[in-house]
Amino acid sequence: MEILERKVEMLETLPDRVTRMELQLVQLRDEMRGECSAVRGEIRTGDEETRRVLREEIRAGDEETRRYMRVLHEDVIGRLILIQDSRHPRKKR
């Protein structure tokens, strides 16, 4: 009979234990939701920073390419003038 009474006493505490467990699960879920939101925010910030840096590097590379193209263009024009002058020497006055 004592064993049965102990088991009944243990069963009587079960609803309180389940309620406490439920509260802990709710708290854990809320904490995890908050942490996940924070991590997503950090990732978003990092992505935005990476994009900004890449855009700056691309712009700098584009400008460098434009400068190099101008130099090459001027070089080609200079060479064309030399070729033209060597084929058709100008008359001296």
C-alpha atoms as a PDB file:
ATOM      1  CA  MET A   1       0.000   0.000   0.000  1.00  0.00           C
ATOM      2  CA  GLU A   2       2.883   2.399   0.774  1.00  0.00           C
ATOM      3  CA  ILE A   3       4.339   1.857  -2.688  1.00  0.00           C
ATOM      4  CA  LEU A   4       0.993   2.692  -4.243  1.00  0.00           C
ATOM      5  CA  GLU A   5       0.713   5.864  -2.151  1.00  0.00           C
ATOM      6  CA  ARG A   6       4.188   6.988  -3.222  1.00  0.00           C
ATOM      7  CA  LYS A   7       3.347   6.403  -6.858  1.00  0.00           C
ATOM      8  CA  VAL A   8       0.122   8.369  -6.501  1.00  0.00           C
ATOM      9  CA  GLU A   9       2.020  11.209  -4.807  1.00  0.00           C
ATOM     10  CA  MET A  10       4.526  11.221  -7.667  1.00  0.00           C
ATOM     11  CA  LEU A  11       1.682  11.294 -10.183  1.00  0.00           C
ATOM     12  CA  GLU A  12       0.075  14.198  -8.351  1.00  0.00           C
ATOM     13  CA  THR A  13       3.241  16.275  -8.855  1.00  0.00           C
ATOM     14  CA  LEU A  14       3.282  15.467 -12.556  1.00  0.00           C
ATOM     15  CA  PRO A  15       0.939  18.305 -13.714  1.00  0.00           C
ATOM     16  CA  ASP A  16       3.098  20.921 -11.951  1.00  0.00           C
ATOM     17  CA  ARG A  17       6.248  19.455 -13.452  1.00  0.00           C
ATOM     18  CA  VAL A  18       4.677  19.427 -16.919  1.00  0.00           C
ATOM     19  CA  THR A  19       3.581  23.052 -16.479  1.00  0.00           C
ATOM     20  CA  ARG A  20       7.094  24.086 -15.454  1.00  0.00           C
ATOM     21  CA  MET A  21       8.526  22.222 -18.437  1.00  0.00           C
ATOM     22  CA  GLU A  22       6.041  23.970 -20.734  1.00  0.00           C
ATOM     23  CA  LEU A  23       7.098  27.368 -19.389  1.00  0.00           C
ATOM     24  CA  GLN A  24      10.758  26.525 -19.901  1.00  0.00           C
ATOM     25  CA  LEU A  25      10.047  25.501 -23.498  1.00  0.00           C
ATOM     26  CA  VAL A  26       8.202  28.760 -24.145  1.00  0.00           C
ATOM     27  CA  GLN A  27      11.131  30.728 -22.699  1.00  0.00           C
ATOM     28  CA  LEU A  28      13.618  28.755 -24.759  1.00  0.00           C
ATOM     29  CA  ARG A  29      11.591  29.348 -27.921  1.00  0.00           C
ATOM     30  CA  ASP A  30      11.451  33.091 -27.233  1.00  0.00           C
ATOM     31  CA  GLU A  31      15.199  33.246 -26.556  1.00  0.00           C
ATOM     32  CA  MET A  32      15.992  31.295 -29.713  1.00  0.00           C
ATOM     33  CA  ARG A  33      13.714  33.513 -31.779  1.00  0.00           C
ATOM     34  CA  GLY A  34      15.484  36.604 -30.457  1.00  0.00           C
ATOM     35  CA  GLU A  35      18.938  35.159 -31.089  1.00  0.00           C
ATOM     36  CA  CYS A  36      18.012  34.058 -34.608  1.00  0.00           C
ATOM     37  CA  SER A  37      16.750  37.558 -35.367  1.00  0.00           C
ATOM     38  CA  ALA A  38      19.997  39.027 -34.072  1.00  0.00           C
ATOM     39  CA  VAL A  39      22.083  36.644 -36.187  1.00  0.00           C
ATOM     40  CA  ARG A  40      20.027  37.478 -39.296  1.00  0.00           C
ATOM     41  CA  GLY A  41      20.599  41.170 -38.605  1.00  0.00           C
ATOM     42  CA  GLU A  42      24.351  40.655 -38.274  1.00  0.00           C
ATOM     43  CA  ILE A  43      24.457  38.670 -41.505  1.00  0.00           C
ATOM     44  CA  ARG A  44      22.456  41.348 -43.306  1.00  0.00           C
ATOM     45  CA  THR A  45      24.832  44.035 -42.050  1.00  0.00           C
ATOM     46  CA  GLY A  46      27.840  42.000 -43.158  1.00  0.00           C
ATOM     47  CA  ASP A  47      26.310  41.417 -46.585  1.00  0.00           C
ATOM     48  CA  GLU A  48      25.635  45.128 -47.027  1.00  0.00           C
ATOM     49  CA  GLU A  49      29.209  45.982 -46.037  1.00  0.00           C
ATOM     50  CA  THR A  50      30.601  43.363 -48.430  1.00  0.00           C
ATOM     51  CA  ARG A  51      28.486  44.755 -51.276  1.00  0.00           C
ATOM     52  CA  ARG A  52      29.629  48.304 -50.503  1.00  0.00           C
ATOM     53  CA  VAL A  53      33.301  47.285 -50.523  1.00  0.00           C
ATOM     54  CA  LEU A  54      32.904  45.332 -53.764  1.00  0.00           C
ATOM     55  CA  ARG A  55      31.166  48.272 -55.456  1.00  0.00           C
ATOM     56  CA  GLU A  56      34.012  50.574 -54.436  1.00  0.00           C
ATOM     57  CA  GLU A  57      36.586  48.126 -55.779  1.00  0.00           C
ATOM     58  CA  ILE A  58      34.699  47.735 -59.060  1.00  0.00           C
ATOM     59  CA  ARG A  59      34.424  51.509 -59.483  1.00  0.00           C
ATOM     60  CA  ALA A  60      38.137  51.930 -58.811  1.00  0.00           C
ATOM     61  CA  GLY A  61      38.928  49.187 -61.326  1.00  0.00           C
ATOM     62  CA  ASP A  62      36.631  50.781 -63.904  1.00  0.00           C
ATOM     63  CA  GLU A  63      38.362  54.139 -63.492  1.00  0.00           C
ATOM     64  CA  GLU A  64      41.785  52.525 -63.830  1.00  0.00           C
ATOM     65  CA  THR A  65      40.634  50.749 -67.001  1.00  0.00           C
ATOM     66  CA  ARG A  66      39.360  54.029 -68.451  1.00  0.00           C
ATOM     67  CA  ARG A  67      42.703  55.725 -67.768  1.00  0.00           C
ATOM     68  CA  TYR A  68      44.581  52.876 -69.407  1.00  0.00           C
ATOM     69  CA  MET A  69      42.256  52.997 -72.421  1.00  0.00           C
ATOM     70  CA  ARG A  70      42.933  56.741 -72.805  1.00  0.00           C
ATOM     71  CA  VAL A  71      46.695  56.135 -72.692  1.00  0.00           C
ATOM     72  CA  LEU A  72      46.418  53.397 -75.295  1.00  0.00           C
ATOM     73  CA  HIS A  73      44.188  55.575 -77.472  1.00  0.00           C
ATOM     74  CA  GLU A  74      46.679  58.440 -77.352  1.00  0.00           C
ATOM     75  CA  ASP A  75      49.495  56.007 -78.143  1.00  0.00           C
ATOM     76  CA  VAL A  76      47.619  54.660 -81.183  1.00  0.00           C
ATOM     77  CA  ILE A  77      46.889  58.190 -82.430  1.00  0.00           C
ATOM     78  CA  GLY A  78      50.576  59.083 -82.012  1.00  0.00           C
ATOM     79  CA  ARG A  79      51.656  55.997 -83.923  1.00  0.00           C
ATOM     80  CA  LEU A  80      49.162  56.685 -86.707  1.00  0.00           C
ATOM     81  CA  ILE A  81      50.552  60.204 -87.046  1.00  0.00           C
ATOM     82  CA  LEU A  82      54.102  58.798 -87.248  1.00  0.00           C
ATOM     83  CA  ILE A  83      53.051  56.276 -89.889  1.00  0.00           C
ATOM     84  CA  GLN A  84      51.280  58.965 -91.892  1.00  0.00           C
ATOM     85  CA  ASP A  85      54.244  61.323 -91.643  1.00  0.00           C
ATOM     86  CA  SER A  86      56.669  58.613 -92.775  1.00  0.00           C
ATOM     87  CA  ARG A  87      54.556  57.824 -95.863  1.00  0.00           C
ATOM     88  CA  HIS A  88      53.843  61.423 -96.811  1.00  0.00           C
ATOM     89  CA  PRO A  89      56.663  63.688 -95.707  1.00  0.00           C
ATOM     90  CA  ARG A  90      55.628  67.299 -95.446  1.00  0.00           C
ATOM     91  CA  LYS A  91      57.146  69.743 -97.858  1.00  0.00           C
ATOM     92  CA  LYS A  92      59.413  72.354 -96.417  1.00  0.00           C
ATOM     93  CA  ARG A  93      58.683  75.959 -97.281  1.00  0.00           C
END
